[in-house]
PDB file of all heavy atoms in Angstrom:
ATOM      1  N   ILE A   1       0.801  -1.207   0.013  1.00  0.00           N
ATOM      2  CA  ILE A   1      -0.011  -0.006   0.046  1.00  0.00           C
ATOM      3  C   ILE A   1       0.853   1.243   0.011  1.00  0.00           C
ATOM      4  O   ILE A   1       0.662   2.259  -0.755  1.00  0.00           O
ATOM      5  CB  ILE A   1      -1.007  -0.046   1.195  1.00  0.00           C
ATOM      6  CG1 ILE A   1      -2.098  -1.033   0.972  1.00  0.00           C
ATOM      7  CG2 ILE A   1      -1.531   1.310   1.374  1.00  0.00           C
ATOM      8  CD1 ILE A   1      -2.926  -1.386   2.221  1.00  0.00           C
ATOM      9  N   TYR A   2       1.975   1.236   0.847  1.00  0.00           N
ATOM     10  CA  TYR A   2       2.775   2.442   0.941  1.00  0.00           C
ATOM     11  C   TYR A   2       3.457   2.596  -0.453  1.00  0.00           C
ATOM     12  O   TYR A   2       3.708   3.676  -0.933  1.00  0.00           O
ATOM     13  CB  TYR A   2       3.902   2.240   1.958  1.00  0.00           C
ATOM     14  CG  TYR A   2       3.295   2.007   3.420  1.00  0.00           C
ATOM     15  CD1 TYR A   2       4.032   1.328   4.334  1.00  0.00           C
ATOM     16  CD2 TYR A   2       2.106   2.586   3.778  1.00  0.00           C
ATOM     17  CE1 TYR A   2       3.381   1.105   5.655  1.00  0.00           C
ATOM     18  CE2 TYR A   2       1.545   2.408   5.063  1.00  0.00           C
ATOM     19  CZ  TYR A   2       2.262   1.663   5.842  1.00  0.00           C
ATOM     20  OH  TYR A   2       1.766   1.439   7.236  1.00  0.00           O
ATOM     21  N   ALA A   3       3.865   1.565  -1.083  1.00  0.00           N
ATOM     22  CA  ALA A   3       4.478   1.621  -2.332  1.00  0.00           C
ATOM     23  C   ALA A   3       3.572   2.205  -3.447  1.00  0.00           C
ATOM     24  O   ALA A   3       3.968   2.997  -4.254  1.00  0.00           O
ATOM     25  CB  ALA A   3       5.200   0.365  -2.810  1.00  0.00           C
ATOM     26  N   LEU A   4       2.370   1.709  -3.439  1.00  0.00           N
ATOM     27  CA  LEU A   4       1.396   2.205  -4.421  1.00  0.00           C
ATOM     28  C   LEU A   4       1.050   3.741  -4.206  1.00  0.00           C
ATOM     29  O   LEU A   4       0.867   4.454  -5.210  1.00  0.00           O
ATOM     30  CB  LEU A   4       0.130   1.323  -4.268  1.00  0.00           C
ATOM     31  CG  LEU A   4       0.107  -0.034  -4.745  1.00  0.00           C
ATOM     32  CD1 LEU A   4      -1.149  -0.842  -4.475  1.00  0.00           C
ATOM     33  CD2 LEU A   4       0.512  -0.067  -6.207  1.00  0.00           C
ATOM     34  N   VAL A   5       1.167   4.155  -2.988  1.00  0.00           N
ATOM     35  CA  VAL A   5       1.066   5.569  -2.764  1.00  0.00           C
ATOM     36  C   VAL A   5       2.228   6.442  -3.318  1.00  0.00           C
ATOM     37  O   VAL A   5       1.967   7.556  -3.735  1.00  0.00           O
ATOM     38  CB  VAL A   5       0.968   5.917  -1.203  1.00  0.00           C
ATOM     39  CG1 VAL A   5       0.810   7.396  -0.959  1.00  0.00           C
ATOM     40  CG2 VAL A   5      -0.472   5.311  -0.700  1.00  0.00           C
ATOM     41  N   THR A   6       3.338   5.889  -3.286  1.00  0.00           N
ATOM     42  CA  THR A   6       4.558   6.563  -3.844  1.00  0.00           C
ATOM     43  C   THR A   6       4.565   6.567  -5.370  1.00  0.00           C
ATOM     44  O   THR A   6       5.179   7.555  -5.855  1.00  0.00           O
ATOM     45  CB  THR A   6       5.880   6.001  -3.224  1.00  0.00           C
ATOM     46  OG1 THR A   6       6.040   4.626  -3.700  1.00  0.00           O
ATOM     47  CG2 THR A   6       5.924   5.947  -1.707  1.00  0.00           C
ATOM     48  N   ILE A   7       3.952   5.778  -6.012  1.00  0.00           N
ATOM     49  CA  ILE A   7       4.063   5.669  -7.474  1.00  0.00           C
ATOM     50  C   ILE A   7       3.560   6.986  -8.061  1.00  0.00           C
ATOM     51  O   ILE A   7       4.276   7.641  -8.935  1.00  0.00           O
ATOM     52  CB  ILE A   7       3.340   4.552  -7.999  1.00  0.00           C
ATOM     53  CG1 ILE A   7       4.121   3.158  -7.638  1.00  0.00           C
ATOM     54  CG2 ILE A   7       3.133   4.579  -9.475  1.00  0.00           C
ATOM     55  CD1 ILE A   7       3.471   1.888  -8.033  1.00  0.00           C
ATOM     56  N   PRO A   8       2.386   7.596  -7.671  1.00  0.00           N
ATOM     57  CA  PRO A   8       1.994   8.908  -8.351  1.00  0.00           C
ATOM     58  C   PRO A   8       2.954   9.966  -7.944  1.00  0.00           C
ATOM     59  O   PRO A   8       3.221  10.891  -8.658  1.00  0.00           O
ATOM     60  CB  PRO A   8       0.533   9.021  -7.715  1.00  0.00           C
ATOM     61  CG  PRO A   8       0.144   7.887  -7.209  1.00  0.00           C
ATOM     62  CD  PRO A   8       1.365   6.993  -6.880  1.00  0.00           C
ATOM     63  N   LEU A   9       3.628   9.843  -6.739  1.00  0.00           N
ATOM     64  CA  LEU A   9       4.535  10.882  -6.341  1.00  0.00           C
ATOM     65  C   LEU A   9       5.671  10.803  -7.128  1.00  0.00           C
ATOM     66  O   LEU A   9       6.569  11.816  -7.064  1.00  0.00           O
ATOM     67  CB  LEU A   9       4.851  10.711  -4.832  1.00  0.00           C
ATOM     68  CG  LEU A   9       3.587  10.881  -3.843  1.00  0.00           C
ATOM     69  CD1 LEU A   9       3.948  10.569  -2.421  1.00  0.00           C
ATOM     70  CD2 LEU A   9       3.061  12.331  -3.991  1.00  0.00           C
ATOM     71  N   MET A  10       6.030   9.771  -7.900  1.00  0.00           N
ATOM     72  CA  MET A  10       7.245   9.747  -8.662  1.00  0.00           C
ATOM     73  C   MET A  10       7.204  10.753  -9.900  1.00  0.00           C
ATOM     74  O   MET A  10       8.258  11.170 -10.312  1.00  0.00           O
ATOM     75  CB  MET A  10       7.396   8.378  -9.229  1.00  0.00           C
ATOM     76  CG  MET A  10       7.847   7.388  -8.223  1.00  0.00           C
ATOM     77  SD  MET A  10       8.109   5.762  -9.140  1.00  0.00           S
ATOM     78  CE  MET A  10       8.448   4.689  -7.611  1.00  0.00           C
ATOM     79  N   PHE A  11       6.130  11.203 -10.220  1.00  0.00           N
ATOM     80  CA  PHE A  11       5.860  12.217 -11.215  1.00  0.00           C
ATOM     81  C   PHE A  11       6.314  13.617 -10.755  1.00  0.00           C
ATOM     82  O   PHE A  11       6.588  14.376 -11.560  1.00  0.00           O
ATOM     83  CB  PHE A  11       4.487  12.262 -11.730  1.00  0.00           C
ATOM     84  CG  PHE A  11       4.050  11.050 -12.437  1.00  0.00           C
ATOM     85  CD1 PHE A  11       3.124  10.171 -11.818  1.00  0.00           C
ATOM     86  CD2 PHE A  11       4.501  10.679 -13.635  1.00  0.00           C
ATOM     87  CE1 PHE A  11       2.669   8.981 -12.466  1.00  0.00           C
ATOM     88  CE2 PHE A  11       4.181   9.540 -14.334  1.00  0.00           C
ATOM     89  CZ  PHE A  11       3.360   8.677 -13.698  1.00  0.00           C
ATOM     90  N   ILE A  12       6.465  13.761  -9.510  1.00  0.00           N
ATOM     91  CA  ILE A  12       6.970  14.976  -8.982  1.00  0.00           C
ATOM     92  C   ILE A  12       8.254  14.701  -8.098  1.00  0.00           C
ATOM     93  O   ILE A  12       8.618  15.590  -7.408  1.00  0.00           O
ATOM     94  CB  ILE A  12       5.949  15.695  -8.065  1.00  0.00           C
ATOM     95  CG1 ILE A  12       5.419  14.805  -6.792  1.00  0.00           C
ATOM     96  CG2 ILE A  12       4.748  16.238  -8.840  1.00  0.00           C
ATOM     97  CD1 ILE A  12       4.559  15.605  -5.833  1.00  0.00           C
ATOM     98  N   VAL A  13       8.898  13.652  -8.652  1.00  0.00           N
ATOM     99  CA  VAL A  13      10.212  13.280  -8.211  1.00  0.00           C
ATOM    100  C   VAL A  13      10.348  12.872  -6.645  1.00  0.00           C
ATOM    101  O   VAL A  13      11.215  12.006  -6.385  1.00  0.00           O
ATOM    102  CB  VAL A  13      11.240  14.387  -8.512  1.00  0.00           C
ATOM    103  CG1 VAL A  13      12.719  13.957  -8.105  1.00  0.00           C
ATOM    104  CG2 VAL A  13      11.204  14.773  -9.896  1.00  0.00           C
ATOM    105  N   VAL A  14       9.530  13.382  -5.752  1.00  0.00           N
ATOM    106  CA  VAL A  14       9.802  13.003  -4.450  1.00  0.00           C
ATOM    107  C   VAL A  14       9.421  11.476  -4.191  1.00  0.00           C
ATOM    108  O   VAL A  14       9.919  10.992  -3.219  1.00  0.00           O
ATOM    109  CB  VAL A  14       8.785  13.840  -3.488  1.00  0.00           C
ATOM    110  CG1 VAL A  14       7.339  13.522  -3.705  1.00  0.00           C
ATOM    111  CG2 VAL A  14       9.125  13.823  -2.126  1.00  0.00           C
ATOM    112  N   GLY A  15       8.659  10.857  -5.010  1.00  0.00           N
ATOM    113  CA  GLY A  15       8.261   9.567  -4.817  1.00  0.00           C
ATOM    114  C   GLY A  15       9.454   8.617  -5.040  1.00  0.00           C
ATOM    115  O   GLY A  15       9.483   7.460  -4.530  1.00  0.00           O
ATOM    116  N   ILE A  16      10.449   9.054  -5.829  1.00  0.00           N
ATOM    117  CA  ILE A  16      11.606   8.049  -6.096  1.00  0.00           C
ATOM    118  C   ILE A  16      12.369   7.790  -4.889  1.00  0.00           C
ATOM    119  O   ILE A  16      12.629   6.583  -4.579  1.00  0.00           O
ATOM    120  CB  ILE A  16      12.486   8.645  -7.348  1.00  0.00           C
ATOM    121  CG1 ILE A  16      11.573   8.639  -8.618  1.00  0.00           C
ATOM    122  CG2 ILE A  16      13.724   7.792  -7.420  1.00  0.00           C
ATOM    123  CD1 ILE A  16      12.295   9.442  -9.704  1.00  0.00           C
ATOM    124  N   PRO A  17      12.837   8.873  -4.173  1.00  0.00           N
ATOM    125  CA  PRO A  17      13.491   8.454  -2.871  1.00  0.00           C
ATOM    126  C   PRO A  17      12.617   7.745  -1.859  1.00  0.00           C
ATOM    127  O   PRO A  17      13.118   6.914  -1.102  1.00  0.00           O
ATOM    128  CB  PRO A  17      14.033   9.772  -2.410  1.00  0.00           C
ATOM    129  CG  PRO A  17      13.378  10.765  -3.140  1.00  0.00           C
ATOM    130  CD  PRO A  17      12.716  10.152  -4.435  1.00  0.00           C
ATOM    131  N   LEU A  18      11.369   8.112  -1.850  1.00  0.00           N
ATOM    132  CA  LEU A  18      10.429   7.452  -0.940  1.00  0.00           C
ATOM    133  C   LEU A  18      10.269   5.940  -1.275  1.00  0.00           C
ATOM    134  O   LEU A  18      10.350   4.980  -0.365  1.00  0.00           O
ATOM    135  CB  LEU A  18       8.970   8.048  -0.904  1.00  0.00           C
ATOM    136  CG  LEU A  18       8.923   9.446  -0.275  1.00  0.00           C
ATOM    137  CD1 LEU A  18       7.503   9.960  -0.472  1.00  0.00           C
ATOM    138  CD2 LEU A  18       9.191   9.279   1.265  1.00  0.00           C
ATOM    139  N   PHE A  19      10.284   5.635  -2.580  1.00  0.00           N
ATOM    140  CA  PHE A  19      10.136   4.262  -3.046  1.00  0.00           C
ATOM    141  C   PHE A  19      11.381   3.465  -2.719  1.00  0.00           C
ATOM    142  O   PHE A  19      11.326   2.378  -2.148  1.00  0.00           O
ATOM    143  CB  PHE A  19       9.817   4.174  -4.517  1.00  0.00           C
ATOM    144  CG  PHE A  19       9.462   2.810  -5.060  1.00  0.00           C
ATOM    145  CD1 PHE A  19       8.213   2.297  -4.880  1.00  0.00           C
ATOM    146  CD2 PHE A  19      10.329   1.980  -5.600  1.00  0.00           C
ATOM    147  CE1 PHE A  19       7.843   1.083  -5.278  1.00  0.00           C
ATOM    148  CE2 PHE A  19      10.013   0.682  -6.029  1.00  0.00           C
ATOM    149  CZ  PHE A  19       8.881   0.262  -5.909  1.00  0.00           C
ATOM    150  N   ILE A  20      12.585   4.072  -2.780  1.00  0.00           N
ATOM    151  CA  ILE A  20      13.835   3.443  -2.478  1.00  0.00           C
ATOM    152  C   ILE A  20      13.904   3.259  -1.028  1.00  0.00           C
ATOM    153  O   ILE A  20      14.330   2.163  -0.645  1.00  0.00           O
ATOM    154  CB  ILE A  20      14.977   4.263  -3.112  1.00  0.00           C
ATOM    155  CG1 ILE A  20      15.031   4.254  -4.629  1.00  0.00           C
ATOM    156  CG2 ILE A  20      16.351   3.735  -2.478  1.00  0.00           C
ATOM    157  CD1 ILE A  20      15.932   5.335  -5.273  1.00  0.00           C
ATOM    158  N   ALA A  21      13.509   4.278  -0.224  1.00  0.00           N
ATOM    159  CA  ALA A  21      13.563   4.119   1.155  1.00  0.00           C
ATOM    160  C   ALA A  21      12.626   3.016   1.701  1.00  0.00           C
ATOM    161  O   ALA A  21      13.012   2.203   2.571  1.00  0.00           O
ATOM    162  CB  ALA A  21      13.124   5.361   1.927  1.00  0.00           C
ATOM    163  N   LEU A  22      11.443   2.762   1.061  1.00  0.00           N
ATOM    164  CA  LEU A  22      10.547   1.683   1.396  1.00  0.00           C
ATOM    165  C   LEU A  22      11.119   0.357   1.051  1.00  0.00           C
ATOM    166  O   LEU A  22      11.132  -0.546   1.928  1.00  0.00           O
ATOM    167  CB  LEU A  22       9.271   1.839   0.595  1.00  0.00           C
ATOM    168  CG  LEU A  22       8.151   2.802   1.089  1.00  0.00           C
ATOM    169  CD1 LEU A  22       7.098   2.955   0.171  1.00  0.00           C
ATOM    170  CD2 LEU A  22       7.771   2.387   2.458  1.00  0.00           C
ATOM    171  N   ALA A  23      11.714   0.277  -0.014  1.00  0.00           N
ATOM    172  CA  ALA A  23      12.485  -1.040  -0.457  1.00  0.00           C
ATOM    173  C   ALA A  23      13.554  -1.423   0.534  1.00  0.00           C
ATOM    174  O   ALA A  23      13.733  -2.544   1.020  1.00  0.00           O
ATOM    175  CB  ALA A  23      13.000  -0.970  -1.883  1.00  0.00           C
ATOM    176  N   ILE A  24      14.368  -0.404   0.872  1.00  0.00           N
ATOM    177  CA  ILE A  24      15.463  -0.758   1.855  1.00  0.00           C
ATOM    178  C   ILE A  24      14.861  -1.027   3.252  1.00  0.00           C
ATOM    179  O   ILE A  24      15.352  -1.980   4.010  1.00  0.00           O
ATOM    180  CB  ILE A  24      16.392   0.496   1.946  1.00  0.00           C
ATOM    181  CG1 ILE A  24      17.117   0.774   0.690  1.00  0.00           C
ATOM    182  CG2 ILE A  24      17.288   0.349   3.144  1.00  0.00           C
ATOM    183  CD1 ILE A  24      17.860   1.942   0.572  1.00  0.00           C
ATOM    184  N   THR A  25      13.851  -0.292   3.644  1.00  0.00           N
ATOM    185  CA  THR A  25      13.121  -0.597   4.895  1.00  0.00           C
ATOM    186  C   THR A  25      12.605  -1.971   4.911  1.00  0.00           C
ATOM    187  O   THR A  25      12.618  -2.718   5.952  1.00  0.00           O
ATOM    188  CB  THR A  25      12.061   0.436   5.188  1.00  0.00           C
ATOM    189  OG1 THR A  25      12.550   1.775   5.241  1.00  0.00           O
ATOM    190  CG2 THR A  25      11.363   0.197   6.444  1.00  0.00           C
ATOM    191  N   ASN A  26      11.989  -2.418   3.831  1.00  0.00           N
ATOM    192  CA  ASN A  26      11.339  -3.741   3.644  1.00  0.00           C
ATOM    193  C   ASN A  26      12.513  -4.774   3.901  1.00  0.00           C
ATOM    194  O   ASN A  26      12.342  -5.775   4.660  1.00  0.00           O
ATOM    195  CB  ASN A  26      10.650  -3.880   2.327  1.00  0.00           C
ATOM    196  CG  ASN A  26       9.823  -5.118   2.156  1.00  0.00           C
ATOM    197  OD1 ASN A  26       9.742  -5.920   3.102  1.00  0.00           O
ATOM    198  ND2 ASN A  26       9.175  -5.223   1.089  1.00  0.00           N
ATOM    199  N   VAL A  27      13.604  -4.721   3.224  1.00  0.00           N
ATOM    200  CA  VAL A  27      14.653  -5.673   3.374  1.00  0.00           C
ATOM    201  C   VAL A  27      15.176  -5.744   4.783  1.00  0.00           C
ATOM    202  O   VAL A  27      15.312  -6.804   5.368  1.00  0.00           O
ATOM    203  CB  VAL A  27      15.838  -5.388   2.275  1.00  0.00           C
ATOM    204  CG1 VAL A  27      17.073  -6.292   2.568  1.00  0.00           C
ATOM    205  CG2 VAL A  27      15.359  -5.465   0.934  1.00  0.00           C
ATOM    206  N   ILE A  28      15.395  -4.659   5.380  1.00  0.00           N
ATOM    207  CA  ILE A  28      15.956  -4.501   6.787  1.00  0.00           C
ATOM    208  C   ILE A  28      15.143  -5.267   7.738  1.00  0.00           C
ATOM    209  O   ILE A  28      15.488  -6.120   8.431  1.00  0.00           O
ATOM    210  CB  ILE A  28      16.297  -3.131   7.124  1.00  0.00           C
ATOM    211  CG1 ILE A  28      17.518  -2.537   6.437  1.00  0.00           C
ATOM    212  CG2 ILE A  28      16.508  -3.033   8.676  1.00  0.00           C
ATOM    213  CD1 ILE A  28      17.730  -1.137   6.544  1.00  0.00           C
ATOM    214  N   PHE A  29      13.747  -4.935   7.629  1.00  0.00           N
ATOM    215  CA  PHE A  29      12.885  -5.566   8.538  1.00  0.00           C
ATOM    216  C   PHE A  29      12.575  -7.032   8.320  1.00  0.00           C
ATOM    217  O   PHE A  29      12.395  -7.747   9.352  1.00  0.00           O
ATOM    218  CB  PHE A  29      11.497  -4.760   8.659  1.00  0.00           C
ATOM    219  CG  PHE A  29      11.584  -3.393   9.392  1.00  0.00           C
ATOM    220  CD1 PHE A  29      10.990  -2.267   8.972  1.00  0.00           C
ATOM    221  CD2 PHE A  29      12.371  -3.277  10.592  1.00  0.00           C
ATOM    222  CE1 PHE A  29      11.144  -1.069   9.481  1.00  0.00           C
ATOM    223  CE2 PHE A  29      12.455  -2.157  11.236  1.00  0.00           C
ATOM    224  CZ  PHE A  29      11.874  -0.952  10.627  1.00  0.00           C
ATOM    225  N   VAL A  30      12.703  -7.355   7.089  1.00  0.00           N
ATOM    226  CA  VAL A  30      12.404  -8.814   6.737  1.00  0.00           C
ATOM    227  C   VAL A  30      13.675  -9.662   7.366  1.00  0.00           C
ATOM    228  O   VAL A  30      13.498 -10.634   7.968  1.00  0.00           O
ATOM    229  CB  VAL A  30      12.293  -9.007   5.284  1.00  0.00           C
ATOM    230  CG1 VAL A  30      12.483 -10.599   4.850  1.00  0.00           C
ATOM    231  CG2 VAL A  30      10.914  -8.596   4.835  1.00  0.00           C
ATOM    232  N   VAL A  31      14.870  -9.113   7.102  1.00  0.00           N
ATOM    233  CA  VAL A  31      16.016  -9.725   7.657  1.00  0.00           C
ATOM    234  C   VAL A  31      16.093  -9.776   9.282  1.00  0.00           C
ATOM    235  O   VAL A  31      16.249 -10.768   9.772  1.00  0.00           O
ATOM    236  CB  VAL A  31      17.421  -9.063   7.202  1.00  0.00           C
ATOM    237  CG1 VAL A  31      18.548  -9.478   7.938  1.00  0.00           C
ATOM    238  CG2 VAL A  31      17.483  -9.154   5.755  1.00  0.00           C
ATOM    239  N   ILE A  32      15.588  -8.711   9.906  1.00  0.00           N
ATOM    240  CA  ILE A  32      15.550  -8.699  11.353  1.00  0.00           C
ATOM    241  C   ILE A  32      14.485  -9.830  11.743  1.00  0.00           C
ATOM    242  O   ILE A  32      14.800 -10.543  12.715  1.00  0.00           O
ATOM    243  CB  ILE A  32      15.130  -7.288  11.860  1.00  0.00           C
ATOM    244  CG1 ILE A  32      16.337  -6.413  11.670  1.00  0.00           C
ATOM    245  CG2 ILE A  32      14.800  -7.407  13.307  1.00  0.00           C
ATOM    246  CD1 ILE A  32      15.960  -4.902  11.867  1.00  0.00           C
ATOM    247  N   ALA A  33      13.355  -9.820  11.095  1.00  0.00           N
ATOM    248  CA  ALA A  33      12.336 -10.740  11.527  1.00  0.00           C
ATOM    249  C   ALA A  33      12.723 -12.213  11.298  1.00  0.00           C
ATOM    250  O   ALA A  33      12.476 -13.106  12.021  1.00  0.00           O
ATOM    251  CB  ALA A  33      10.952 -10.556  10.631  1.00  0.00           C
ATOM    252  N   SER A  34      13.542 -12.415  10.200  1.00  0.00           N
ATOM    253  CA  SER A  34      14.074 -13.757   9.856  1.00  0.00           C
ATOM    254  C   SER A  34      15.036 -14.275  10.891  1.00  0.00           C
ATOM    255  O   SER A  34      14.985 -15.319  11.442  1.00  0.00           O
ATOM    256  CB  SER A  34      14.703 -13.756   8.550  1.00  0.00           C
ATOM    257  OG  SER A  34      13.723 -13.392   7.535  1.00  0.00           O
ATOM    258  N   ILE A  35      15.883 -13.324  11.390  1.00  0.00           N
ATOM    259  CA  ILE A  35      16.875 -13.658  12.359  1.00  0.00           C
ATOM    260  C   ILE A  35      16.182 -13.982  13.723  1.00  0.00           C
ATOM    261  O   ILE A  35      16.410 -15.049  14.430  1.00  0.00           O
ATOM    262  CB  ILE A  35      17.862 -12.575  12.592  1.00  0.00           C
ATOM    263  CG1 ILE A  35      18.798 -12.454  11.382  1.00  0.00           C
ATOM    264  CG2 ILE A  35      18.708 -12.713  13.859  1.00  0.00           C
ATOM    265  CD1 ILE A  35      19.659 -11.164  11.242  1.00  0.00           C
ATOM    266  N   ARG A  36      15.319 -13.130  14.142  1.00  0.00           N
ATOM    267  CA  ARG A  36      14.507 -13.308  15.344  1.00  0.00           C
ATOM    268  C   ARG A  36      13.680 -14.614  15.261  1.00  0.00           C
ATOM    269  O   ARG A  36      13.659 -15.361  16.345  1.00  0.00           O
ATOM    270  CB  ARG A  36      13.667 -12.155  15.761  1.00  0.00           C
ATOM    271  CG  ARG A  36      14.458 -10.863  15.930  1.00  0.00           C
ATOM    272  CD  ARG A  36      14.238 -10.388  17.342  1.00  0.00           C
ATOM    273  NE  ARG A  36      15.175  -9.321  17.672  1.00  0.00           N
ATOM    274  CZ  ARG A  36      14.730  -8.026  17.500  1.00  0.00           C
ATOM    275  NH1 ARG A  36      13.417  -7.583  17.337  1.00  0.00           N
ATOM    276  NH2 ARG A  36      15.677  -6.999  17.710  1.00  0.00           N
ATOM    277  N   THR A  37      13.079 -14.843  14.259  1.00  0.00           N
ATOM    278  CA  THR A  37      12.208 -16.102  14.044  1.00  0.00           C
ATOM    279  C   THR A  37      13.164 -17.310  14.061  1.00  0.00           C
ATOM    280  O   THR A  37      12.800 -18.308  14.641  1.00  0.00           O
ATOM    281  CB  THR A  37      11.498 -16.005  12.802  1.00  0.00           C
ATOM    282  OG1 THR A  37      10.602 -14.892  12.871  1.00  0.00           O
ATOM    283  CG2 THR A  37      10.580 -17.290  12.593  1.00  0.00           C
ATOM    284  N   ASN A  38      14.322 -17.276  13.441  1.00  0.00           N
ATOM    285  CA  ASN A  38      15.215 -18.425  13.407  1.00  0.00           C
ATOM    286  C   ASN A  38      15.645 -18.737  14.807  1.00  0.00           C
ATOM    287  O   ASN A  38      16.056 -19.750  15.192  1.00  0.00           O
ATOM    288  CB  ASN A  38      16.306 -18.142  12.560  1.00  0.00           C
ATOM    289  CG  ASN A  38      17.154 -19.449  12.273  1.00  0.00           C
ATOM    290  OD1 ASN A  38      16.562 -20.490  11.968  1.00  0.00           O
ATOM    291  ND2 ASN A  38      18.448 -19.239  12.335  1.00  0.00           N
ATOM    292  N   GLU A  39      15.725 -17.766  15.685  1.00  0.00           N
ATOM    293  CA  GLU A  39      16.096 -17.989  17.167  1.00  0.00           C
ATOM    294  C   GLU A  39      14.817 -18.504  17.884  1.00  0.00           C
ATOM    295  O   GLU A  39      14.947 -18.730  19.183  1.00  0.00           O
ATOM    296  CB  GLU A  39      16.496 -16.606  17.726  1.00  0.00           C
ATOM    297  CG  GLU A  39      17.678 -16.121  17.092  1.00  0.00           C
ATOM    298  CD  GLU A  39      18.095 -14.706  17.626  1.00  0.00           C
ATOM    299  OE1 GLU A  39      17.173 -13.981  18.260  1.00  0.00           O
ATOM    300  OE2 GLU A  39      19.205 -14.205  17.364  1.00  0.00           O
ATOM    301  N   GLY A  40      13.783 -18.630  17.247  1.00  0.00           N
ATOM    302  CA  GLY A  40      12.517 -19.117  18.013  1.00  0.00           C
ATOM    303  C   GLY A  40      11.700 -17.999  18.640  1.00  0.00           C
ATOM    304  O   GLY A  40      10.765 -18.293  19.354  1.00  0.00           O
ATOM    305  N   ARG A  41      12.094 -16.764  18.352  1.00  0.00           N
ATOM    306  CA  ARG A  41      11.259 -15.706  19.021  1.00  0.00           C
ATOM    307  C   ARG A  41      10.401 -15.046  17.949  1.00  0.00           C
ATOM    308  O   ARG A  41      10.631 -15.076  16.797  1.00  0.00           O
ATOM    309  CB  ARG A  41      12.310 -14.656  19.493  1.00  0.00           C
ATOM    310  CG  ARG A  41      13.256 -15.153  20.420  1.00  0.00           C
ATOM    311  CD  ARG A  41      14.449 -14.154  20.876  1.00  0.00           C
ATOM    312  NE  ARG A  41      14.395 -12.852  20.622  1.00  0.00           N
ATOM    313  CZ  ARG A  41      15.257 -11.957  20.526  1.00  0.00           C
ATOM    314  NH1 ARG A  41      16.501 -12.431  20.515  1.00  0.00           N
ATOM    315  NH2 ARG A  41      15.070 -10.726  20.200  1.00  0.00           N
TER     316      ARG A  41
END
């Protein structure tokens, strides 16, 4: 949903860094969740 909101904002350039930030945030939190889950937490 957040990514879909940023797509129209790409036409005014501000959406491009927001989209990149979302992608990086996604990867970081997935890795953290994976590590914690692998520990059984």
